[in-house]
Amino acid sequence: MKIEKLKSIIKEATREVIREELKEILLEAVKRPSPVINEMVHPSPISPNKENVRSNLRSSYKNVLGETANTMTTSTLSGQFQPQRGLDSANGTLPSGQVSLDQISGLLNN
């Protein structure tokens, strides 16, 4: 018997066995009753004081921002800002464009 013929016989027998097993598995799955699933939905409680919570949150943010604005001013800074090379996102280069001396002096006077 040639090897090719033996291979084809083995392949065909394997296919036949797999088909039979799949048929049995599918028939068993179809015959078995499917479980009934009941879903219980619990509504989330809605806060009656939703507007009150929002106003409290707003006032809290306003207080924090007000305190920050009062404590962080240029008068509390000591020394002069000295930028270092290579630390900006453009790899140490400035974007292209023209800035007049009036604009710069306006920034320095503030």
PDB file of N, CA and C in Angstrom:
ATOM      1  N   MET A   1       0.849  -1.177   0.000  1.00  0.00           N
ATOM      2  CA  MET A   1       0.000   0.000   0.000  1.00  0.00           C
ATOM      3  C   MET A   1       0.886   1.227   0.000  1.00  0.00           C
ATOM      4  N   LYS A   2       0.520   2.178  -0.817  1.00  0.00           N
ATOM      5  CA  LYS A   2       1.314   3.387  -0.917  1.00  0.00           C
ATOM      6  C   LYS A   2       1.000   4.327   0.239  1.00  0.00           C
ATOM      7  N   ILE A   3       1.953   5.174   0.546  1.00  0.00           N
ATOM      8  CA  ILE A   3       1.819   6.106   1.660  1.00  0.00           C
ATOM      9  C   ILE A   3       0.703   7.112   1.393  1.00  0.00           C
ATOM     10  N   GLU A   4       0.579   7.598   0.165  1.00  0.00           N
ATOM     11  CA  GLU A   4      -0.451   8.580  -0.168  1.00  0.00           C
ATOM     12  C   GLU A   4      -1.845   7.997   0.047  1.00  0.00           C
ATOM     13  N   LYS A   5      -2.032   6.756  -0.315  1.00  0.00           N
ATOM     14  CA  LYS A   5      -3.330   6.110  -0.137  1.00  0.00           C
ATOM     15  C   LYS A   5      -3.635   5.946   1.351  1.00  0.00           C
ATOM     16  N   LEU A   6      -2.622   5.574   2.140  1.00  0.00           N
ATOM     17  CA  LEU A   6      -2.788   5.439   3.591  1.00  0.00           C
ATOM     18  C   LEU A   6      -3.173   6.781   4.216  1.00  0.00           C
ATOM     19  N   LYS A   7      -2.508   7.874   3.768  1.00  0.00           N
ATOM     20  CA  LYS A   7      -2.832   9.206   4.275  1.00  0.00           C
ATOM     21  C   LYS A   7      -4.277   9.568   3.977  1.00  0.00           C
ATOM     22  N   SER A   8      -4.716   9.305   2.764  1.00  0.00           N
ATOM     23  CA  SER A   8      -6.086   9.660   2.397  1.00  0.00           C
ATOM     24  C   SER A   8      -7.092   8.837   3.193  1.00  0.00           C
ATOM     25  N   ILE A   9      -6.801   7.566   3.469  1.00  0.00           N
ATOM     26  CA  ILE A   9      -7.691   6.727   4.282  1.00  0.00           C
ATOM     27  C   ILE A   9      -7.780   7.286   5.704  1.00  0.00           C
ATOM     28  N   ILE A  10      -6.641   7.678   6.270  1.00  0.00           N
ATOM     29  CA  ILE A  10      -6.607   8.225   7.637  1.00  0.00           C
ATOM     30  C   ILE A  10      -7.375   9.548   7.686  1.00  0.00           C
ATOM     31  N   LYS A  11      -7.186  10.412   6.691  1.00  0.00           N
ATOM     32  CA  LYS A  11      -7.889  11.688   6.652  1.00  0.00           C
ATOM     33  C   LYS A  11      -9.399  11.485   6.596  1.00  0.00           C
ATOM     34  N   GLU A  12      -9.828  10.567   5.728  1.00  0.00           N
ATOM     35  CA  GLU A  12     -11.262  10.316   5.586  1.00  0.00           C
ATOM     36  C   GLU A  12     -11.847   9.749   6.871  1.00  0.00           C
ATOM     37  N   ALA A  13     -11.133   8.836   7.516  1.00  0.00           N
ATOM     38  CA  ALA A  13     -11.615   8.265   8.775  1.00  0.00           C
ATOM     39  C   ALA A  13     -11.688   9.340   9.865  1.00  0.00           C
ATOM     40  N   THR A  14     -10.724  10.226   9.899  1.00  0.00           N
ATOM     41  CA  THR A  14     -10.713  11.310  10.880  1.00  0.00           C
ATOM     42  C   THR A  14     -11.898  12.243  10.654  1.00  0.00           C
ATOM     43  N   ARG A  15     -12.151  12.603   9.395  1.00  0.00           N
ATOM     44  CA  ARG A  15     -13.299  13.469   9.083  1.00  0.00           C
ATOM     45  C   ARG A  15     -14.604  12.820   9.525  1.00  0.00           C
ATOM     46  N   GLU A  16     -14.720  11.543   9.262  1.00  0.00           N
ATOM     47  CA  GLU A  16     -15.944  10.823   9.604  1.00  0.00           C
ATOM     48  C   GLU A  16     -16.176  10.816  11.117  1.00  0.00           C
ATOM     49  N   VAL A  17     -15.135  10.575  11.876  1.00  0.00           N
ATOM     50  CA  VAL A  17     -15.245  10.547  13.331  1.00  0.00           C
ATOM     51  C   VAL A  17     -15.610  11.933  13.865  1.00  0.00           C
ATOM     52  N   ILE A  18     -14.981  12.956  13.319  1.00  0.00           N
ATOM     53  CA  ILE A  18     -15.254  14.326  13.780  1.00  0.00           C
ATOM     54  C   ILE A  18     -16.692  14.704  13.469  1.00  0.00           C
ATOM     55  N   ARG A  19     -17.197  14.354  12.279  1.00  0.00           N
ATOM     56  CA  ARG A  19     -18.595  14.642  11.921  1.00  0.00           C
ATOM     57  C   ARG A  19     -19.552  13.976  12.896  1.00  0.00           C
ATOM     58  N   GLU A  20     -19.302  12.732  13.208  1.00  0.00           N
ATOM     59  CA  GLU A  20     -20.186  12.013  14.128  1.00  0.00           C
ATOM     60  C   GLU A  20     -20.180  12.650  15.514  1.00  0.00           C
ATOM     61  N   GLU A  21     -19.005  13.028  16.001  1.00  0.00           N
ATOM     62  CA  GLU A  21     -18.913  13.649  17.321  1.00  0.00           C
ATOM     63  C   GLU A  21     -19.607  15.008  17.341  1.00  0.00           C
ATOM     64  N   LEU A  22     -19.431  15.799  16.288  1.00  0.00           N
ATOM     65  CA  LEU A  22     -20.091  17.101  16.220  1.00  0.00           C
ATOM     66  C   LEU A  22     -21.607  16.944  16.186  1.00  0.00           C
ATOM     67  N   LYS A  23     -22.102  15.946  15.448  1.00  0.00           N
ATOM     68  CA  LYS A  23     -23.538  15.698  15.408  1.00  0.00           C
ATOM     69  C   LYS A  23     -24.064  15.389  16.804  1.00  0.00           C
ATOM     70  N   GLU A  24     -23.337  14.537  17.533  1.00  0.00           N
ATOM     71  CA  GLU A  24     -23.760  14.186  18.891  1.00  0.00           C
ATOM     72  C   GLU A  24     -23.756  15.403  19.814  1.00  0.00           C
ATOM     73  N   ILE A  25     -22.739  16.214  19.704  1.00  0.00           N
ATOM     74  CA  ILE A  25     -22.638  17.408  20.555  1.00  0.00           C
ATOM     75  C   ILE A  25     -23.777  18.377  20.250  1.00  0.00           C
ATOM     76  N   LEU A  26     -24.044  18.599  18.970  1.00  0.00           N
ATOM     77  CA  LEU A  26     -25.108  19.529  18.590  1.00  0.00           C
ATOM     78  C   LEU A  26     -26.484  19.013  19.001  1.00  0.00           C
ATOM     79  N   LEU A  27     -26.724  17.714  18.825  1.00  0.00           N
ATOM     80  CA  LEU A  27     -28.009  17.142  19.236  1.00  0.00           C
ATOM     81  C   LEU A  27     -28.208  17.253  20.740  1.00  0.00           C
ATOM     82  N   GLU A  28     -27.157  17.025  21.487  1.00  0.00           N
ATOM     83  CA  GLU A  28     -27.243  17.135  22.947  1.00  0.00           C
ATOM     84  C   GLU A  28     -27.526  18.573  23.364  1.00  0.00           C
ATOM     85  N   ALA A  29     -26.903  19.527  22.677  1.00  0.00           N
ATOM     86  CA  ALA A  29     -27.116  20.936  23.008  1.00  0.00           C
ATOM     87  C   ALA A  29     -28.537  21.372  22.670  1.00  0.00           C
ATOM     88  N   VAL A  30     -29.094  20.846  21.578  1.00  0.00           N
ATOM     89  CA  VAL A  30     -30.447  21.219  21.179  1.00  0.00           C
ATOM     90  C   VAL A  30     -31.484  20.579  22.092  1.00  0.00           C
ATOM     91  N   LYS A  31     -31.247  19.351  22.508  1.00  0.00           N
ATOM     92  CA  LYS A  31     -32.211  18.637  23.351  1.00  0.00           C
ATOM     93  C   LYS A  31     -32.270  19.198  24.763  1.00  0.00           C
ATOM     94  N   ARG A  32     -31.167  19.707  25.273  1.00  0.00           N
ATOM     95  CA  ARG A  32     -31.108  20.226  26.630  1.00  0.00           C
ATOM     96  C   ARG A  32     -31.912  21.519  26.713  1.00  0.00           C
ATOM     97  N   PRO A  33     -32.804  21.645  27.686  1.00  0.00           N
ATOM     98  CA  PRO A  33     -33.581  22.887  27.792  1.00  0.00           C
ATOM     99  C   PRO A  33     -32.682  24.050  28.209  1.00  0.00           C
ATOM    100  N   SER A  34     -32.915  25.175  27.589  1.00  0.00           N
ATOM    101  CA  SER A  34     -32.093  26.344  27.916  1.00  0.00           C
ATOM    102  C   SER A  34     -32.605  26.973  29.210  1.00  0.00           C
ATOM    103  N   PRO A  35     -31.697  27.427  30.041  1.00  0.00           N
ATOM    104  CA  PRO A  35     -32.113  28.023  31.312  1.00  0.00           C
ATOM    105  C   PRO A  35     -32.790  29.372  31.078  1.00  0.00           C
ATOM    106  N   VAL A  36     -33.781  29.677  31.895  1.00  0.00           N
ATOM    107  CA  VAL A  36     -34.478  30.949  31.817  1.00  0.00           C
ATOM    108  C   VAL A  36     -33.729  31.963  32.673  1.00  0.00           C
ATOM    109  N   ILE A  37     -33.455  33.091  32.064  1.00  0.00           N
ATOM    110  CA  ILE A  37     -32.705  34.132  32.770  1.00  0.00           C
ATOM    111  C   ILE A  37     -33.661  35.276  33.076  1.00  0.00           C
ATOM    112  N   ASN A  38     -33.791  35.587  34.352  1.00  0.00           N
ATOM    113  CA  ASN A  38     -34.618  36.716  34.782  1.00  0.00           C
ATOM    114  C   ASN A  38     -33.702  37.849  35.196  1.00  0.00           C
ATOM    115  N   GLU A  39     -33.918  39.001  34.607  1.00  0.00           N
ATOM    116  CA  GLU A  39     -33.079  40.151  34.920  1.00  0.00           C
ATOM    117  C   GLU A  39     -33.841  41.087  35.841  1.00  0.00           C
ATOM    118  N   MET A  40     -33.202  41.431  36.932  1.00  0.00           N
ATOM    119  CA  MET A  40     -33.812  42.352  37.888  1.00  0.00           C
ATOM    120  C   MET A  40     -33.088  43.695  37.761  1.00  0.00           C
ATOM    121  N   VAL A  41     -33.835  44.714  37.440  1.00  0.00           N
ATOM    122  CA  VAL A  41     -33.254  46.044  37.305  1.00  0.00           C
ATOM    123  C   VAL A  41     -33.650  46.863  38.525  1.00  0.00           C
ATOM    124  N   HIS A  42     -32.645  47.355  39.211  1.00  0.00           N
ATOM    125  CA  HIS A  42     -32.880  48.188  40.383  1.00  0.00           C
ATOM    126  C   HIS A  42     -32.671  49.641  39.977  1.00  0.00           C
ATOM    127  N   PRO A  43     -33.682  50.472  40.088  1.00  0.00           N
ATOM    128  CA  PRO A  43     -33.497  51.884  39.727  1.00  0.00           C
ATOM    129  C   PRO A  43     -32.567  52.563  40.721  1.00  0.00           C
ATOM    130  N   SER A  44     -31.685  53.378  40.177  1.00  0.00           N
ATOM    131  CA  SER A  44     -30.759  54.085  41.053  1.00  0.00           C
ATOM    132  C   SER A  44     -31.490  55.222  41.755  1.00  0.00           C
ATOM    133  N   PRO A  45     -31.200  55.408  43.028  1.00  0.00           N
ATOM    134  CA  PRO A  45     -31.884  56.479  43.763  1.00  0.00           C
ATOM    135  C   PRO A  45     -31.439  57.851  43.255  1.00  0.00           C
ATOM    136  N   ILE A  46     -32.384  58.718  43.045  1.00  0.00           N
ATOM    137  CA  ILE A  46     -32.104  60.066  42.564  1.00  0.00           C
ATOM    138  C   ILE A  46     -32.110  61.005  43.764  1.00  0.00           C
ATOM    139  N   SER A  47     -31.051  61.761  43.859  1.00  0.00           N
ATOM    140  CA  SER A  47     -30.919  62.677  44.985  1.00  0.00           C
ATOM    141  C   SER A  47     -31.896  63.835  44.837  1.00  0.00           C
ATOM    142  N   PRO A  48     -32.720  64.097  45.859  1.00  0.00           N
ATOM    143  CA  PRO A  48     -33.654  65.229  45.772  1.00  0.00           C
ATOM    144  C   PRO A  48     -32.940  66.567  45.878  1.00  0.00           C
ATOM    145  N   ASN A  49     -31.739  66.555  46.390  1.00  0.00           N
ATOM    146  CA  ASN A  49     -30.994  67.804  46.582  1.00  0.00           C
ATOM    147  C   ASN A  49     -29.944  68.004  45.500  1.00  0.00           C
ATOM    148  N   LYS A  50     -30.272  67.616  44.277  1.00  0.00           N
ATOM    149  CA  LYS A  50     -29.291  67.688  43.198  1.00  0.00           C
ATOM    150  C   LYS A  50     -28.839  69.132  42.952  1.00  0.00           C
ATOM    151  N   GLU A  51     -29.784  70.048  42.939  1.00  0.00           N
ATOM    152  CA  GLU A  51     -29.439  71.449  42.722  1.00  0.00           C
ATOM    153  C   GLU A  51     -28.624  72.000  43.885  1.00  0.00           C
ATOM    154  N   ASN A  52     -28.938  71.565  45.089  1.00  0.00           N
ATOM    155  CA  ASN A  52     -28.195  71.988  46.271  1.00  0.00           C
ATOM    156  C   ASN A  52     -26.748  71.498  46.191  1.00  0.00           C
ATOM    157  N   VAL A  53     -26.567  70.257  45.739  1.00  0.00           N
ATOM    158  CA  VAL A  53     -25.224  69.700  45.601  1.00  0.00           C
ATOM    159  C   VAL A  53     -24.435  70.495  44.566  1.00  0.00           C
ATOM    160  N   ARG A  54     -25.091  70.837  43.453  1.00  0.00           N
ATOM    161  CA  ARG A  54     -24.404  71.611  42.416  1.00  0.00           C
ATOM    162  C   ARG A  54     -23.972  72.978  42.940  1.00  0.00           C
ATOM    163  N   SER A  55     -24.841  73.647  43.642  1.00  0.00           N
ATOM    164  CA  SER A  55     -24.485  74.977  44.149  1.00  0.00           C
ATOM    165  C   SER A  55     -23.366  74.886  45.187  1.00  0.00           C
ATOM    166  N   ASN A  56     -23.385  73.848  46.021  1.00  0.00           N
ATOM    167  CA  ASN A  56     -22.295  73.660  46.985  1.00  0.00           C
ATOM    168  C   ASN A  56     -20.978  73.396  46.271  1.00  0.00           C
ATOM    169  N   LEU A  57     -21.036  72.625  45.212  1.00  0.00           N
ATOM    170  CA  LEU A  57     -19.819  72.323  44.451  1.00  0.00           C
ATOM    171  C   LEU A  57     -19.275  73.584  43.791  1.00  0.00           C
ATOM    172  N   ARG A  58     -20.169  74.379  43.206  1.00  0.00           N
ATOM    173  CA  ARG A  58     -19.742  75.642  42.593  1.00  0.00           C
ATOM    174  C   ARG A  58     -19.094  76.568  43.610  1.00  0.00           C
ATOM    175  N   SER A  59     -19.722  76.685  44.767  1.00  0.00           N
ATOM    176  CA  SER A  59     -19.170  77.593  45.785  1.00  0.00           C
ATOM    177  C   SER A  59     -17.825  77.081  46.296  1.00  0.00           C
ATOM    178  N   SER A  60     -17.674  75.773  46.375  1.00  0.00           N
ATOM    179  CA  SER A  60     -16.383  75.210  46.795  1.00  0.00           C
ATOM    180  C   SER A  60     -15.293  75.558  45.792  1.00  0.00           C
ATOM    181  N   TYR A  61     -15.607  75.397  44.498  1.00  0.00           N
ATOM    182  CA  TYR A  61     -14.622  75.749  43.471  1.00  0.00           C
ATOM    183  C   TYR A  61     -14.300  77.244  43.507  1.00  0.00           C
ATOM    184  N   LYS A  62     -15.307  78.071  43.689  1.00  0.00           N
ATOM    185  CA  LYS A  62     -15.071  79.515  43.756  1.00  0.00           C
ATOM    186  C   LYS A  62     -14.173  79.862  44.931  1.00  0.00           C
ATOM    187  N   ASN A  63     -14.385  79.211  46.072  1.00  0.00           N
ATOM    188  CA  ASN A  63     -13.539  79.473  47.240  1.00  0.00           C
ATOM    189  C   ASN A  63     -12.096  79.085  46.974  1.00  0.00           C
ATOM    190  N   VAL A  64     -11.906  77.912  46.383  1.00  0.00           N
ATOM    191  CA  VAL A  64     -10.543  77.452  46.106  1.00  0.00           C
ATOM    192  C   VAL A  64      -9.868  78.380  45.112  1.00  0.00           C
ATOM    193  N   LEU A  65     -10.583  78.744  44.040  1.00  0.00           N
ATOM    194  CA  LEU A  65      -9.991  79.637  43.045  1.00  0.00           C
ATOM    195  C   LEU A  65      -9.723  81.023  43.618  1.00  0.00           C
ATOM    196  N   GLY A  66     -10.621  81.488  44.484  1.00  0.00           N
ATOM    197  CA  GLY A  66     -10.408  82.791  45.106  1.00  0.00           C
ATOM    198  C   GLY A  66      -9.187  82.796  46.000  1.00  0.00           C
ATOM    199  N   GLU A  67      -9.007  81.751  46.779  1.00  0.00           N
ATOM    200  CA  GLU A  67      -7.829  81.658  47.643  1.00  0.00           C
ATOM    201  C   GLU A  67      -6.560  81.597  46.813  1.00  0.00           C
ATOM    202  N   THR A  68      -6.609  80.840  45.717  1.00  0.00           N
ATOM    203  CA  THR A  68      -5.437  80.737  44.845  1.00  0.00           C
ATOM    204  C   THR A  68      -5.123  82.088  44.230  1.00  0.00           C
ATOM    205  N   ALA A  69      -6.136  82.795  43.763  1.00  0.00           N
ATOM    206  CA  ALA A  69      -5.918  84.107  43.148  1.00  0.00           C
ATOM    207  C   ALA A  69      -5.364  85.097  44.161  1.00  0.00           C
ATOM    208  N   ASN A  70      -5.789  85.006  45.415  1.00  0.00           N
ATOM    209  CA  ASN A  70      -5.305  85.933  46.443  1.00  0.00           C
ATOM    210  C   ASN A  70      -3.868  85.650  46.852  1.00  0.00           C
ATOM    211  N   THR A  71      -3.478  84.387  46.863  1.00  0.00           N
ATOM    212  CA  THR A  71      -2.141  84.048  47.358  1.00  0.00           C
ATOM    213  C   THR A  71      -1.089  83.956  46.258  1.00  0.00           C
ATOM    214  N   MET A  72      -1.484  83.703  45.048  1.00  0.00           N
ATOM    215  CA  MET A  72      -0.490  83.540  43.973  1.00  0.00           C
ATOM    216  C   MET A  72      -0.501  84.774  43.078  1.00  0.00           C
ATOM    217  N   THR A  73       0.292  85.731  43.428  1.00  0.00           N
ATOM    218  CA  THR A  73       0.426  86.951  42.623  1.00  0.00           C
ATOM    219  C   THR A  73       1.889  87.159  42.283  1.00  0.00           C
ATOM    220  N   THR A  74       2.141  88.105  41.391  1.00  0.00           N
ATOM    221  CA  THR A  74       3.533  88.379  41.023  1.00  0.00           C
ATOM    222  C   THR A  74       4.298  89.035  42.162  1.00  0.00           C
ATOM    223  N   SER A  75       3.601  89.630  43.104  1.00  0.00           N
ATOM    224  CA  SER A  75       4.298  90.264  44.226  1.00  0.00           C
ATOM    225  C   SER A  75       4.896  89.214  45.174  1.00  0.00           C
ATOM    226  N   THR A  76       4.372  88.016  45.166  1.00  0.00           N
ATOM    227  CA  THR A  76       4.913  86.974  46.048  1.00  0.00           C
ATOM    228  C   THR A  76       6.097  86.255  45.423  1.00  0.00           C
ATOM    229  N   LEU A  77       6.362  86.515  44.143  1.00  0.00           N
ATOM    230  CA  LEU A  77       7.508  85.874  43.496  1.00  0.00           C
ATOM    231  C   LEU A  77       8.790  86.596  43.843  1.00  0.00           C
ATOM    232  N   SER A  78       9.852  85.822  44.034  1.00  0.00           N
ATOM    233  CA  SER A  78      11.142  86.444  44.299  1.00  0.00           C
ATOM    234  C   SER A  78      12.055  86.176  43.115  1.00  0.00           C
ATOM    235  N   GLY A  79      12.835  87.174  42.767  1.00  0.00           N
ATOM    236  CA  GLY A  79      13.760  86.998  41.656  1.00  0.00           C
ATOM    237  C   GLY A  79      13.091  87.237  40.319  1.00  0.00           C
ATOM    238  N   GLN A  80      13.843  86.927  39.279  1.00  0.00           N
ATOM    239  CA  GLN A  80      13.385  87.164  37.926  1.00  0.00           C
ATOM    240  C   GLN A  80      13.352  85.832  37.189  1.00  0.00           C
ATOM    241  N   PHE A  81      12.399  85.687  36.299  1.00  0.00           N
ATOM    242  CA  PHE A  81      12.270  84.442  35.542  1.00  0.00           C
ATOM    243  C   PHE A  81      13.386  84.340  34.522  1.00  0.00           C
ATOM    244  N   GLN A  82      14.123  83.239  34.579  1.00  0.00           N
ATOM    245  CA  GLN A  82      15.229  83.005  33.662  1.00  0.00           C
ATOM    246  C   GLN A  82      14.967  81.675  32.932  1.00  0.00           C
ATOM    247  N   PRO A  83      14.398  81.718  31.739  1.00  0.00           N
ATOM    248  CA  PRO A  83      14.127  80.469  31.029  1.00  0.00           C
ATOM    249  C   PRO A  83      15.421  79.767  30.630  1.00  0.00           C
ATOM    250  N   GLN A  84      15.395  78.466  30.649  1.00  0.00           N
ATOM    251  CA  GLN A  84      16.576  77.682  30.282  1.00  0.00           C
ATOM    252  C   GLN A  84      16.367  77.089  28.904  1.00  0.00           C
ATOM    253  N   ARG A  85      17.444  76.905  28.195  1.00  0.00           N
ATOM    254  CA  ARG A  85      17.365  76.363  26.843  1.00  0.00           C
ATOM    255  C   ARG A  85      16.941  74.906  26.845  1.00  0.00           C
ATOM    256  N   GLY A  86      16.168  74.560  25.818  1.00  0.00           N
ATOM    257  CA  GLY A  86      15.818  73.162  25.601  1.00  0.00           C
ATOM    258  C   GLY A  86      14.704  72.631  26.482  1.00  0.00           C
ATOM    259  N   LEU A  87      14.079  73.469  27.286  1.00  0.00           N
ATOM    260  CA  LEU A  87      13.043  72.975  28.182  1.00  0.00           C
ATOM    261  C   LEU A  87      11.634  73.188  27.653  1.00  0.00           C
ATOM    262  N   ASP A  88      11.490  73.892  26.527  1.00  0.00           N
ATOM    263  CA  ASP A  88      10.141  74.082  25.986  1.00  0.00           C
ATOM    264  C   ASP A  88       9.807  72.975  24.994  1.00  0.00           C
ATOM    265  N   SER A  89       8.553  72.893  24.612  1.00  0.00           N
ATOM    266  CA  SER A  89       8.103  71.799  23.757  1.00  0.00           C
ATOM    267  C   SER A  89       8.613  71.908  22.331  1.00  0.00           C
ATOM    268  N   ALA A  90       9.104  73.055  21.948  1.00  0.00           N
ATOM    269  CA  ALA A  90       9.613  73.228  20.584  1.00  0.00           C
ATOM    270  C   ALA A  90      11.122  73.001  20.523  1.00  0.00           C
ATOM    271  N   ASN A  91      11.653  72.246  21.465  1.00  0.00           N
ATOM    272  CA  ASN A  91      13.086  71.895  21.509  1.00  0.00           C
ATOM    273  C   ASN A  91      13.988  73.117  21.569  1.00  0.00           C
ATOM    274  N   GLY A  92      13.595  74.101  22.359  1.00  0.00           N
ATOM    275  CA  GLY A  92      14.457  75.253  22.581  1.00  0.00           C
ATOM    276  C   GLY A  92      14.344  76.324  21.521  1.00  0.00           C
ATOM    277  N   THR A  93      13.417  76.206  20.588  1.00  0.00           N
ATOM    278  CA  THR A  93      13.267  77.225  19.561  1.00  0.00           C
ATOM    279  C   THR A  93      11.935  77.931  19.747  1.00  0.00           C
ATOM    280  N   LEU A  94      11.924  79.212  19.387  1.00  0.00           N
ATOM    281  CA  LEU A  94      10.694  79.987  19.477  1.00  0.00           C
ATOM    282  C   LEU A  94       9.898  79.836  18.186  1.00  0.00           C
ATOM    283  N   PRO A  95       8.578  79.936  18.269  1.00  0.00           N
ATOM    284  CA  PRO A  95       7.790  79.861  17.042  1.00  0.00           C
ATOM    285  C   PRO A  95       8.046  81.077  16.157  1.00  0.00           C
ATOM    286  N   SER A  96       7.813  80.914  14.883  1.00  0.00           N
ATOM    287  CA  SER A  96       8.058  82.022  13.964  1.00  0.00           C
ATOM    288  C   SER A  96       6.998  83.095  14.160  1.00  0.00           C
ATOM    289  N   GLY A  97       7.373  84.341  13.917  1.00  0.00           N
ATOM    290  CA  GLY A  97       6.436  85.454  14.068  1.00  0.00           C
ATOM    291  C   GLY A  97       7.165  86.693  14.532  1.00  0.00           C
ATOM    292  N   GLN A  98       6.461  87.809  14.495  1.00  0.00           N
ATOM    293  CA  GLN A  98       7.047  89.083  14.879  1.00  0.00           C
ATOM    294  C   GLN A  98       6.337  89.618  16.116  1.00  0.00           C
ATOM    295  N   VAL A  99       7.110  90.104  17.079  1.00  0.00           N
ATOM    296  CA  VAL A  99       6.570  90.738  18.269  1.00  0.00           C
ATOM    297  C   VAL A  99       7.185  92.132  18.352  1.00  0.00           C
ATOM    298  N   SER A 100       6.337  93.127  18.454  1.00  0.00           N
ATOM    299  CA  SER A 100       6.861  94.499  18.490  1.00  0.00           C
ATOM    300  C   SER A 100       7.378  94.827  19.892  1.00  0.00           C
ATOM    301  N   LEU A 101       8.203  95.839  19.992  1.00  0.00           N
ATOM    302  CA  LEU A 101       8.749  96.265  21.265  1.00  0.00           C
ATOM    303  C   LEU A 101       7.652  96.817  22.173  1.00  0.00           C
ATOM    304  N   ASP A 102       6.593  97.406  21.597  1.00  0.00           N
ATOM    305  CA  ASP A 102       5.484  97.915  22.396  1.00  0.00           C
ATOM    306  C   ASP A 102       4.804  96.773  23.146  1.00  0.00           C
ATOM    307  N   GLN A 103       4.634  95.637  22.461  1.00  0.00           N
ATOM    308  CA  GLN A 103       4.015  94.490  23.130  1.00  0.00           C
ATOM    309  C   GLN A 103       4.876  93.979  24.277  1.00  0.00           C
ATOM    310  N   ILE A 104       6.189  93.942  24.058  1.00  0.00           N
ATOM    311  CA  ILE A 104       7.094  93.461  25.093  1.00  0.00           C
ATOM    312  C   ILE A 104       7.119  94.415  26.265  1.00  0.00           C
ATOM    313  N   SER A 105       7.186  95.711  25.996  1.00  0.00           N
ATOM    314  CA  SER A 105       7.211  96.674  27.108  1.00  0.00           C
ATOM    315  C   SER A 105       5.896  96.649  27.874  1.00  0.00           C
ATOM    316  N   GLY A 106       4.778  96.398  27.173  1.00  0.00           N
ATOM    317  CA  GLY A 106       3.498  96.279  27.849  1.00  0.00           C
ATOM    318  C   GLY A 106       3.474  95.101  28.809  1.00  0.00           C
ATOM    319  N   LEU A 107       4.108  94.010  28.434  1.00  0.00           N
ATOM    320  CA  LEU A 107       4.169  92.854  29.317  1.00  0.00           C
ATOM    321  C   LEU A 107       5.078  93.099  30.518  1.00  0.00           C
ATOM    322  N   LEU A 108       6.170  93.826  30.290  1.00  0.00           N
ATOM    323  CA  LEU A 108       7.113  94.081  31.381  1.00  0.00           C
ATOM    324  C   LEU A 108       6.544  95.066  32.391  1.00  0.00           C
ATOM    325  N   ASN A 109       5.716  95.995  31.977  1.00  0.00           N
ATOM    326  CA  ASN A 109       5.147  96.986  32.887  1.00  0.00           C
ATOM    327  C   ASN A 109       4.080  96.401  33.799  1.00  0.00           C
ATOM    328  N   ASN A 110       3.470  95.330  33.388  1.00  0.00           N
ATOM    329  CA  ASN A 110       2.405  94.704  34.228  1.00  0.00           C
ATOM    330  C   ASN A 110       2.966  93.981  35.347  1.00  0.00           C
TER     331      ASN A 110
END
